[in-house]
Amino acid sequence: MQKWEYLQIHVESSKTRLLASVSGNEVDDKKEFADLTGLMRFLNSLGAEGWEMVNADRNEYGFQNYFFKRPIE
């Protein structure tokens, strides 16, 4: 049976701050981006590492969440 690990990226768009955790463990308390182009580069780099985006949402406060998964080998 295939096992997965999950990555959630939480973005506070007004301050372009990034908070990341992998399988519930914080991996980077924050990264600052000068603009959303930097964020897009970061998200694209996750794809190159085998992460597949499975969901994205945005709430009324401007927070964005991106959810990824990849197989555990």
PDB file of N, CA and C in Angstrom:
ATOM      1  N   MET A   1       0.831  -1.174   0.000  1.00  0.00           N
ATOM      2  CA  MET A   1       0.000   0.000   0.000  1.00  0.00           C
ATOM      3  C   MET A   1       0.886   1.251   0.000  1.00  0.00           C
ATOM      4  N   GLN A   2       0.548   2.207  -0.873  1.00  0.00           N
ATOM      5  CA  GLN A   2       1.322   3.445  -0.993  1.00  0.00           C
ATOM      6  C   GLN A   2       1.158   4.297   0.261  1.00  0.00           C
ATOM      7  N   LYS A   3       2.279   4.816   0.763  1.00  0.00           N
ATOM      8  CA  LYS A   3       2.250   5.740   1.899  1.00  0.00           C
ATOM      9  C   LYS A   3       2.651   7.115   1.399  1.00  0.00           C
ATOM     10  N   TRP A   4       2.117   8.141   2.054  1.00  0.00           N
ATOM     11  CA  TRP A   4       2.322   9.517   1.623  1.00  0.00           C
ATOM     12  C   TRP A   4       2.860  10.369   2.769  1.00  0.00           C
ATOM     13  N   GLU A   5       3.584  11.409   2.402  1.00  0.00           N
ATOM     14  CA  GLU A   5       3.880  12.485   3.345  1.00  0.00           C
ATOM     15  C   GLU A   5       3.224  13.740   2.798  1.00  0.00           C
ATOM     16  N   TYR A   6       2.907  14.643   3.695  1.00  0.00           N
ATOM     17  CA  TYR A   6       2.134  15.825   3.320  1.00  0.00           C
ATOM     18  C   TYR A   6       2.867  17.094   3.703  1.00  0.00           C
ATOM     19  N   LEU A   7       2.631  18.109   2.913  1.00  0.00           N
ATOM     20  CA  LEU A   7       3.235  19.419   3.130  1.00  0.00           C
ATOM     21  C   LEU A   7       2.137  20.459   3.057  1.00  0.00           C
ATOM     22  N   GLN A   8       2.079  21.318   4.057  1.00  0.00           N
ATOM     23  CA  GLN A   8       1.141  22.435   4.031  1.00  0.00           C
ATOM     24  C   GLN A   8       1.953  23.726   4.027  1.00  0.00           C
ATOM     25  N   ILE A   9       1.646  24.577   3.077  1.00  0.00           N
ATOM     26  CA  ILE A   9       2.246  25.899   2.998  1.00  0.00           C
ATOM     27  C   ILE A   9       1.155  26.902   3.336  1.00  0.00           C
ATOM     28  N   HIS A  10       1.407  27.733   4.318  1.00  0.00           N
ATOM     29  CA  HIS A  10       0.459  28.775   4.728  1.00  0.00           C
ATOM     30  C   HIS A  10       1.085  30.113   4.380  1.00  0.00           C
ATOM     31  N   VAL A  11       0.385  30.916   3.621  1.00  0.00           N
ATOM     32  CA  VAL A  11       0.916  32.202   3.175  1.00  0.00           C
ATOM     33  C   VAL A  11       0.026  33.322   3.678  1.00  0.00           C
ATOM     34  N   GLU A  12       0.652  34.267   4.331  1.00  0.00           N
ATOM     35  CA  GLU A  12      -0.027  35.483   4.755  1.00  0.00           C
ATOM     36  C   GLU A  12       0.276  36.515   3.678  1.00  0.00           C
ATOM     37  N   SER A  13      -0.627  36.650   2.714  1.00  0.00           N
ATOM     38  CA  SER A  13      -0.324  37.395   1.495  1.00  0.00           C
ATOM     39  C   SER A  13      -0.062  38.876   1.728  1.00  0.00           C
ATOM     40  N   SER A  14      -0.656  39.454   2.736  1.00  0.00           N
ATOM     41  CA  SER A  14      -0.449  40.890   2.939  1.00  0.00           C
ATOM     42  C   SER A  14       0.987  41.195   3.327  1.00  0.00           C
ATOM     43  N   LYS A  15       1.646  40.259   3.991  1.00  0.00           N
ATOM     44  CA  LYS A  15       3.033  40.459   4.402  1.00  0.00           C
ATOM     45  C   LYS A  15       3.975  39.545   3.635  1.00  0.00           C
ATOM     46  N   THR A  16       3.436  38.775   2.701  1.00  0.00           N
ATOM     47  CA  THR A  16       4.177  37.772   1.933  1.00  0.00           C
ATOM     48  C   THR A  16       5.111  36.958   2.822  1.00  0.00           C
ATOM     49  N   ARG A  17       4.553  36.479   3.929  1.00  0.00           N
ATOM     50  CA  ARG A  17       5.303  35.593   4.811  1.00  0.00           C
ATOM     51  C   ARG A  17       4.898  34.158   4.529  1.00  0.00           C
ATOM     52  N   LEU A  18       5.838  33.266   4.688  1.00  0.00           N
ATOM     53  CA  LEU A  18       5.594  31.853   4.417  1.00  0.00           C
ATOM     54  C   LEU A  18       5.865  31.052   5.681  1.00  0.00           C
ATOM     55  N   LEU A  19       4.934  30.197   6.037  1.00  0.00           N
ATOM     56  CA  LEU A  19       5.120  29.255   7.134  1.00  0.00           C
ATOM     57  C   LEU A  19       4.962  27.860   6.556  1.00  0.00           C
ATOM     58  N   ALA A  20       5.867  26.966   6.845  1.00  0.00           N
ATOM     59  CA  ALA A  20       5.812  25.633   6.242  1.00  0.00           C
ATOM     60  C   ALA A  20       5.957  24.551   7.291  1.00  0.00           C
ATOM     61  N   SER A  21       5.223  23.463   7.095  1.00  0.00           N
ATOM     62  CA  SER A  21       5.401  22.278   7.926  1.00  0.00           C
ATOM     63  C   SER A  21       5.260  21.050   7.041  1.00  0.00           C
ATOM     64  N   VAL A  22       6.016  20.021   7.375  1.00  0.00           N
ATOM     65  CA  VAL A  22       5.949  18.750   6.666  1.00  0.00           C
ATOM     66  C   VAL A  22       5.467  17.709   7.658  1.00  0.00           C
ATOM     67  N   SER A  23       4.370  17.052   7.323  1.00  0.00           N
ATOM     68  CA  SER A  23       3.795  16.017   8.186  1.00  0.00           C
ATOM     69  C   SER A  23       3.667  16.507   9.625  1.00  0.00           C
ATOM     70  N   GLY A  24       3.293  17.764   9.786  1.00  0.00           N
ATOM     71  CA  GLY A  24       3.074  18.330  11.111  1.00  0.00           C
ATOM     72  C   GLY A  24       4.317  18.860  11.789  1.00  0.00           C
ATOM     73  N   ASN A  25       5.480  18.681  11.183  1.00  0.00           N
ATOM     74  CA  ASN A  25       6.726  19.180  11.763  1.00  0.00           C
ATOM     75  C   ASN A  25       7.174  20.430  11.036  1.00  0.00           C
ATOM     76  N   GLU A  26       7.404  21.484  11.794  1.00  0.00           N
ATOM     77  CA  GLU A  26       7.814  22.750  11.190  1.00  0.00           C
ATOM     78  C   GLU A  26       9.203  22.585  10.579  1.00  0.00           C
ATOM     79  N   VAL A  27       9.348  23.020   9.343  1.00  0.00           N
ATOM     80  CA  VAL A  27      10.644  22.914   8.675  1.00  0.00           C
ATOM     81  C   VAL A  27      11.293  24.273   8.471  1.00  0.00           C
ATOM     82  N   ASP A  28      10.514  25.300   8.465  1.00  0.00           N
ATOM     83  CA  ASP A  28      11.045  26.638   8.233  1.00  0.00           C
ATOM     84  C   ASP A  28      10.069  27.591   8.884  1.00  0.00           C
ATOM     85  N   ASP A  29      10.485  28.285   9.929  1.00  0.00           N
ATOM     86  CA  ASP A  29       9.503  29.095  10.637  1.00  0.00           C
ATOM     87  C   ASP A  29       8.973  30.227   9.790  1.00  0.00           C
ATOM     88  N   LYS A  30       9.796  30.818   8.927  1.00  0.00           N
ATOM     89  CA  LYS A  30       9.263  31.778   7.963  1.00  0.00           C
ATOM     90  C   LYS A  30      10.301  32.097   6.902  1.00  0.00           C
ATOM     91  N   LYS A  31       9.808  32.416   5.743  1.00  0.00           N
ATOM     92  CA  LYS A  31      10.645  32.910   4.653  1.00  0.00           C
ATOM     93  C   LYS A  31       9.964  34.174   4.162  1.00  0.00           C
ATOM     94  N   GLU A  32      10.746  35.160   3.870  1.00  0.00           N
ATOM     95  CA  GLU A  32      10.198  36.405   3.361  1.00  0.00           C
ATOM     96  C   GLU A  32      10.414  36.460   1.855  1.00  0.00           C
ATOM     97  N   PHE A  33       9.410  36.927   1.141  1.00  0.00           N
ATOM     98  CA  PHE A  33       9.502  37.090  -0.304  1.00  0.00           C
ATOM     99  C   PHE A  33       9.244  38.544  -0.645  1.00  0.00           C
ATOM    100  N   ALA A  34      10.029  39.074  -1.560  1.00  0.00           N
ATOM    101  CA  ALA A  34       9.840  40.457  -1.976  1.00  0.00           C
ATOM    102  C   ALA A  34       8.542  40.622  -2.754  1.00  0.00           C
ATOM    103  N   ASP A  35       8.143  39.583  -3.477  1.00  0.00           N
ATOM    104  CA  ASP A  35       6.906  39.646  -4.252  1.00  0.00           C
ATOM    105  C   ASP A  35       6.399  38.220  -4.478  1.00  0.00           C
ATOM    106  N   LEU A  36       5.267  38.106  -5.122  1.00  0.00           N
ATOM    107  CA  LEU A  36       4.678  36.790  -5.337  1.00  0.00           C
ATOM    108  C   LEU A  36       5.446  35.962  -6.359  1.00  0.00           C
ATOM    109  N   THR A  37       6.302  36.592  -7.144  1.00  0.00           N
ATOM    110  CA  THR A  37       7.140  35.838  -8.079  1.00  0.00           C
ATOM    111  C   THR A  37       8.063  34.903  -7.301  1.00  0.00           C
ATOM    112  N   GLY A  38       8.598  35.383  -6.196  1.00  0.00           N
ATOM    113  CA  GLY A  38       9.444  34.544  -5.349  1.00  0.00           C
ATOM    114  C   GLY A  38       8.665  33.374  -4.769  1.00  0.00           C
ATOM    115  N   LEU A  39       7.437  33.633  -4.368  1.00  0.00           N
ATOM    116  CA  LEU A  39       6.577  32.563  -3.854  1.00  0.00           C
ATOM    117  C   LEU A  39       6.317  31.529  -4.940  1.00  0.00           C
ATOM    118  N   MET A  40       6.038  31.973  -6.147  1.00  0.00           N
ATOM    119  CA  MET A  40       5.773  31.043  -7.251  1.00  0.00           C
ATOM    120  C   MET A  40       7.013  30.199  -7.546  1.00  0.00           C
ATOM    121  N   ARG A  41       8.194  30.807  -7.492  1.00  0.00           N
ATOM    122  CA  ARG A  41       9.432  30.047  -7.694  1.00  0.00           C
ATOM    123  C   ARG A  41       9.569  28.964  -6.622  1.00  0.00           C
ATOM    124  N   PHE A  42       9.235  29.325  -5.371  1.00  0.00           N
ATOM    125  CA  PHE A  42       9.314  28.360  -4.284  1.00  0.00           C
ATOM    126  C   PHE A  42       8.329  27.208  -4.500  1.00  0.00           C
ATOM    127  N   LEU A  43       7.085  27.536  -4.860  1.00  0.00           N
ATOM    128  CA  LEU A  43       6.091  26.494  -5.101  1.00  0.00           C
ATOM    129  C   LEU A  43       6.507  25.596  -6.257  1.00  0.00           C
ATOM    130  N   ASN A  44       7.070  26.171  -7.317  1.00  0.00           N
ATOM    131  CA  ASN A  44       7.545  25.371  -8.447  1.00  0.00           C
ATOM    132  C   ASN A  44       8.703  24.464  -8.043  1.00  0.00           C
ATOM    133  N   SER A  45       9.552  24.930  -7.137  1.00  0.00           N
ATOM    134  CA  SER A  45      10.667  24.092  -6.683  1.00  0.00           C
ATOM    135  C   SER A  45      10.152  22.858  -5.933  1.00  0.00           C
ATOM    136  N   LEU A  46       9.005  22.993  -5.271  1.00  0.00           N
ATOM    137  CA  LEU A  46       8.423  21.836  -4.589  1.00  0.00           C
ATOM    138  C   LEU A  46       8.036  20.755  -5.599  1.00  0.00           C
ATOM    139  N   GLY A  47       7.496  21.170  -6.740  1.00  0.00           N
ATOM    140  CA  GLY A  47       7.162  20.208  -7.793  1.00  0.00           C
ATOM    141  C   GLY A  47       8.399  19.471  -8.281  1.00  0.00           C
ATOM    142  N   ALA A  48       9.506  20.187  -8.393  1.00  0.00           N
ATOM    143  CA  ALA A  48      10.757  19.560  -8.825  1.00  0.00           C
ATOM    144  C   ALA A  48      11.257  18.551  -7.798  1.00  0.00           C
ATOM    145  N   GLU A  49      10.833  18.703  -6.536  1.00  0.00           N
ATOM    146  CA  GLU A  49      11.218  17.766  -5.475  1.00  0.00           C
ATOM    147  C   GLU A  49      10.211  16.618  -5.322  1.00  0.00           C
ATOM    148  N   GLY A  50       9.237  16.555  -6.236  1.00  0.00           N
ATOM    149  CA  GLY A  50       8.291  15.449  -6.217  1.00  0.00           C
ATOM    150  C   GLY A  50       6.979  15.732  -5.509  1.00  0.00           C
ATOM    151  N   TRP A  51       6.783  16.957  -5.020  1.00  0.00           N
ATOM    152  CA  TRP A  51       5.530  17.309  -4.350  1.00  0.00           C
ATOM    153  C   TRP A  51       4.460  17.605  -5.394  1.00  0.00           C
ATOM    154  N   GLU A  52       3.266  17.072  -5.168  1.00  0.00           N
ATOM    155  CA  GLU A  52       2.123  17.321  -6.040  1.00  0.00           C
ATOM    156  C   GLU A  52       1.101  18.144  -5.261  1.00  0.00           C
ATOM    157  N   MET A  53       0.690  19.288  -5.826  1.00  0.00           N
ATOM    158  CA  MET A  53      -0.329  20.098  -5.159  1.00  0.00           C
ATOM    159  C   MET A  53      -1.672  19.387  -5.277  1.00  0.00           C
ATOM    160  N   VAL A  54      -2.348  19.213  -4.151  1.00  0.00           N
ATOM    161  CA  VAL A  54      -3.628  18.528  -4.154  1.00  0.00           C
ATOM    162  C   VAL A  54      -4.789  19.461  -3.808  1.00  0.00           C
ATOM    163  N   ASN A  55      -4.480  20.620  -3.236  1.00  0.00           N
ATOM    164  CA  ASN A  55      -5.536  21.574  -2.904  1.00  0.00           C
ATOM    165  C   ASN A  55      -4.920  22.934  -2.613  1.00  0.00           C
ATOM    166  N   ALA A  56      -5.696  23.966  -2.861  1.00  0.00           N
ATOM    167  CA  ALA A  56      -5.299  25.331  -2.511  1.00  0.00           C
ATOM    168  C   ALA A  56      -6.563  26.080  -2.133  1.00  0.00           C
ATOM    169  N   ASP A  57      -6.462  26.921  -1.122  1.00  0.00           N
ATOM    170  CA  ASP A  57      -7.623  27.724  -0.746  1.00  0.00           C
ATOM    171  C   ASP A  57      -7.179  29.075  -0.209  1.00  0.00           C
ATOM    172  N   ARG A  58      -8.132  29.962  -0.120  1.00  0.00           N
ATOM    173  CA  ARG A  58      -7.892  31.315   0.383  1.00  0.00           C
ATOM    174  C   ARG A  58      -9.091  31.695   1.231  1.00  0.00           C
ATOM    175  N   ASN A  59      -8.840  32.264   2.402  1.00  0.00           N
ATOM    176  CA  ASN A  59      -9.974  32.656   3.236  1.00  0.00           C
ATOM    177  C   ASN A  59     -10.232  34.153   3.140  1.00  0.00           C
ATOM    178  N   GLU A  60     -11.248  34.593   3.833  1.00  0.00           N
ATOM    179  CA  GLU A  60     -11.668  36.000   3.755  1.00  0.00           C
ATOM    180  C   GLU A  60     -10.653  36.977   4.336  1.00  0.00           C
ATOM    181  N   TYR A  61      -9.673  36.484   5.080  1.00  0.00           N
ATOM    182  CA  TYR A  61      -8.651  37.350   5.666  1.00  0.00           C
ATOM    183  C   TYR A  61      -7.413  37.479   4.788  1.00  0.00           C
ATOM    184  N   GLY A  62      -7.427  36.837   3.624  1.00  0.00           N
ATOM    185  CA  GLY A  62      -6.304  36.922   2.699  1.00  0.00           C
ATOM    186  C   GLY A  62      -5.252  35.847   2.886  1.00  0.00           C
ATOM    187  N   PHE A  63      -5.460  34.918   3.817  1.00  0.00           N
ATOM    188  CA  PHE A  63      -4.502  33.832   4.004  1.00  0.00           C
ATOM    189  C   PHE A  63      -4.701  32.795   2.912  1.00  0.00           C
ATOM    190  N   GLN A  64      -3.609  32.265   2.436  1.00  0.00           N
ATOM    191  CA  GLN A  64      -3.658  31.222   1.421  1.00  0.00           C
ATOM    192  C   GLN A  64      -3.028  29.957   1.986  1.00  0.00           C
ATOM    193  N   ASN A  65      -3.590  28.834   1.635  1.00  0.00           N
ATOM    194  CA  ASN A  65      -3.051  27.541   2.047  1.00  0.00           C
ATOM    195  C   ASN A  65      -2.877  26.671   0.816  1.00  0.00           C
ATOM    196  N   TYR A  66      -1.716  26.048   0.728  1.00  0.00           N
ATOM    197  CA  TYR A  66      -1.419  25.121  -0.354  1.00  0.00           C
ATOM    198  C   TYR A  66      -1.101  23.782   0.287  1.00  0.00           C
ATOM    199  N   PHE A  67      -1.692  22.726  -0.244  1.00  0.00           N
ATOM    200  CA  PHE A  67      -1.491  21.388   0.297  1.00  0.00           C
ATOM    201  C   PHE A  67      -0.868  20.505  -0.775  1.00  0.00           C
ATOM    202  N   PHE A  68       0.195  19.795  -0.396  1.00  0.00           N
ATOM    203  CA  PHE A  68       0.926  18.936  -1.296  1.00  0.00           C
ATOM    204  C   PHE A  68       1.049  17.547  -0.697  1.00  0.00           C
ATOM    205  N   LYS A  69       1.280  16.571  -1.563  1.00  0.00           N
ATOM    206  CA  LYS A  69       1.615  15.223  -1.105  1.00  0.00           C
ATOM    207  C   LYS A  69       2.671  14.652  -2.036  1.00  0.00           C
ATOM    208  N   ARG A  70       3.417  13.677  -1.500  1.00  0.00           N
ATOM    209  CA  ARG A  70       4.344  12.911  -2.324  1.00  0.00           C
ATOM    210  C   ARG A  70       4.505  11.540  -1.691  1.00  0.00           C
ATOM    211  N   PRO A  71       4.801  10.548  -2.509  1.00  0.00           N
ATOM    212  CA  PRO A  71       4.960   9.196  -1.970  1.00  0.00           C
ATOM    213  C   PRO A  71       6.169   9.088  -1.059  1.00  0.00           C
ATOM    214  N   ILE A  72       6.010   8.299  -0.023  1.00  0.00           N
ATOM    215  CA  ILE A  72       7.155   7.952   0.828  1.00  0.00           C
ATOM    216  C   ILE A  72       7.774   6.707   0.228  1.00  0.00           C
ATOM    217  N   GLU A  73       9.053   6.779   0.001  1.00  0.00           N
ATOM    218  CA  GLU A  73       9.730   5.621  -0.633  1.00  0.00           C
ATOM    219  C   GLU A  73      10.263   4.677   0.398  1.00  0.00           C
TER     220      GLU A  73
END
